[in-house]
């Protein structure tokens, strides 16, 4: 499924990723304050698209902003849950 972020950048994400137990485990740990697990969540959810997203962020910010990655992760999850595609 194609998910378009607020800044217009689009990612192709397998919507079945929301059924991935390891993703849920990582998100639960993040919710419990284990912020370092965001790297696992990003790897699981984005897969090959991670590189593209990071390059996009780097071009805009000059570096890969943790805040922008976190916001993008939330946008992707919300987009997949809502079935948002373009």
Protein backbone atom coordinates (compact mmCIF):
# COMPACT_ATOMS: atom_id res chain seq x y z
CA UNK A 1 0.00 0.00 0.00
CA UNK A 2 1.26 3.45 -0.78
CA UNK A 3 1.26 5.79 2.21
CA UNK A 4 1.76 9.49 1.58
CA UNK A 5 3.28 11.51 4.41
CA UNK A 6 2.16 15.05 5.25
CA UNK A 7 5.13 16.48 3.37
CA UNK A 8 4.05 14.64 0.22
CA UNK A 9 6.72 11.91 0.34
CA UNK A 10 5.25 8.50 -0.46
CA UNK A 11 6.31 5.08 0.76
CA UNK A 12 5.25 1.65 -0.43
CA UNK A 13 4.50 -0.37 2.71
CA UNK A 14 3.11 -3.89 3.05
CA UNK A 15 -0.09 -3.39 5.04
CA UNK A 16 0.35 -6.87 6.51
CA UNK A 17 3.19 -5.40 8.60
CA UNK A 18 0.56 -4.27 11.12
CA UNK A 19 0.01 -7.96 11.87
CA UNK A 20 3.70 -8.50 12.66
CA UNK A 21 4.14 -9.59 16.28
CA UNK A 22 7.68 -8.25 16.50
CA UNK A 23 6.47 -4.83 15.37
CA UNK A 24 3.78 -4.85 18.05
CA UNK A 25 6.38 -5.88 20.61
CA UNK A 26 8.68 -3.01 19.60
CA UNK A 27 5.81 -0.48 19.65
CA UNK A 28 4.72 -1.71 23.09
CA UNK A 29 8.27 -1.31 24.40
CA UNK A 30 8.41 2.22 22.95
CA UNK A 31 5.13 3.01 24.71
CA UNK A 32 6.68 1.75 27.96
CA UNK A 33 9.54 4.22 27.60
CA UNK A 34 12.11 2.11 25.77
CA UNK A 35 12.73 4.70 23.05
CA UNK A 36 15.67 2.78 21.59
CA UNK A 37 13.22 0.21 20.22
CA UNK A 38 12.15 2.72 17.58
CA UNK A 39 15.03 1.45 15.46
CA UNK A 40 13.49 -2.02 15.48
CA UNK A 41 10.03 -0.67 14.68
CA UNK A 42 11.38 1.35 11.75
CA UNK A 43 13.32 -1.64 10.39
CA UNK A 44 10.33 -3.96 10.64
CA UNK A 45 7.73 -1.57 9.28
CA UNK A 46 9.68 0.19 6.55
CA UNK A 47 12.05 -2.51 5.38
CA UNK A 48 13.67 -1.40 2.12
CA UNK A 49 11.79 1.90 2.20
CA UNK A 50 13.81 2.98 5.26
CA UNK A 51 16.76 4.03 3.11
CA UNK A 52 14.54 6.15 0.85
CA UNK A 53 12.87 7.83 3.82
CA UNK A 54 16.20 8.58 5.50
CA UNK A 55 17.60 10.11 2.30
CA UNK A 56 14.47 12.24 1.97
CA UNK A 57 14.82 13.47 5.56
CA UNK A 58 18.56 14.05 5.13
CA UNK A 59 17.96 16.21 2.04
CA UNK A 60 15.49 18.39 3.95
CA UNK A 61 17.26 18.60 7.32
CA UNK A 62 20.89 17.86 6.51
CA UNK A 63 20.78 14.87 8.85
CA UNK A 64 18.30 12.13 9.77
CA UNK A 65 16.21 13.83 12.46
CA UNK A 66 14.91 11.49 15.16
CA UNK A 67 11.82 13.65 15.55
CA UNK A 68 11.03 13.49 11.83
CA UNK A 69 11.55 9.70 11.80
CA UNK A 70 9.22 9.29 14.78
CA UNK A 71 6.56 11.44 13.15
CA UNK A 72 6.90 9.56 9.86
CA UNK A 73 6.56 6.23 11.68
CA UNK A 74 3.32 7.41 13.29
CA UNK A 75 2.03 8.68 9.94
CA UNK A 76 2.79 5.34 8.27
CA UNK A 77 1.04 3.36 11.02
CA UNK A 78 -1.97 5.67 10.95
CA UNK A 79 -2.10 5.53 7.17
CA UNK A 80 -2.01 1.74 7.16
CA UNK A 81 -4.69 1.50 9.85
CA UNK A 82 -6.94 3.88 7.94
CA UNK A 83 -6.27 2.15 4.63
CA UNK A 84 -4.95 5.42 3.23
CA UNK A 85 -3.36 4.96 -0.14
CA UNK A 86 -2.73 7.00 -3.23
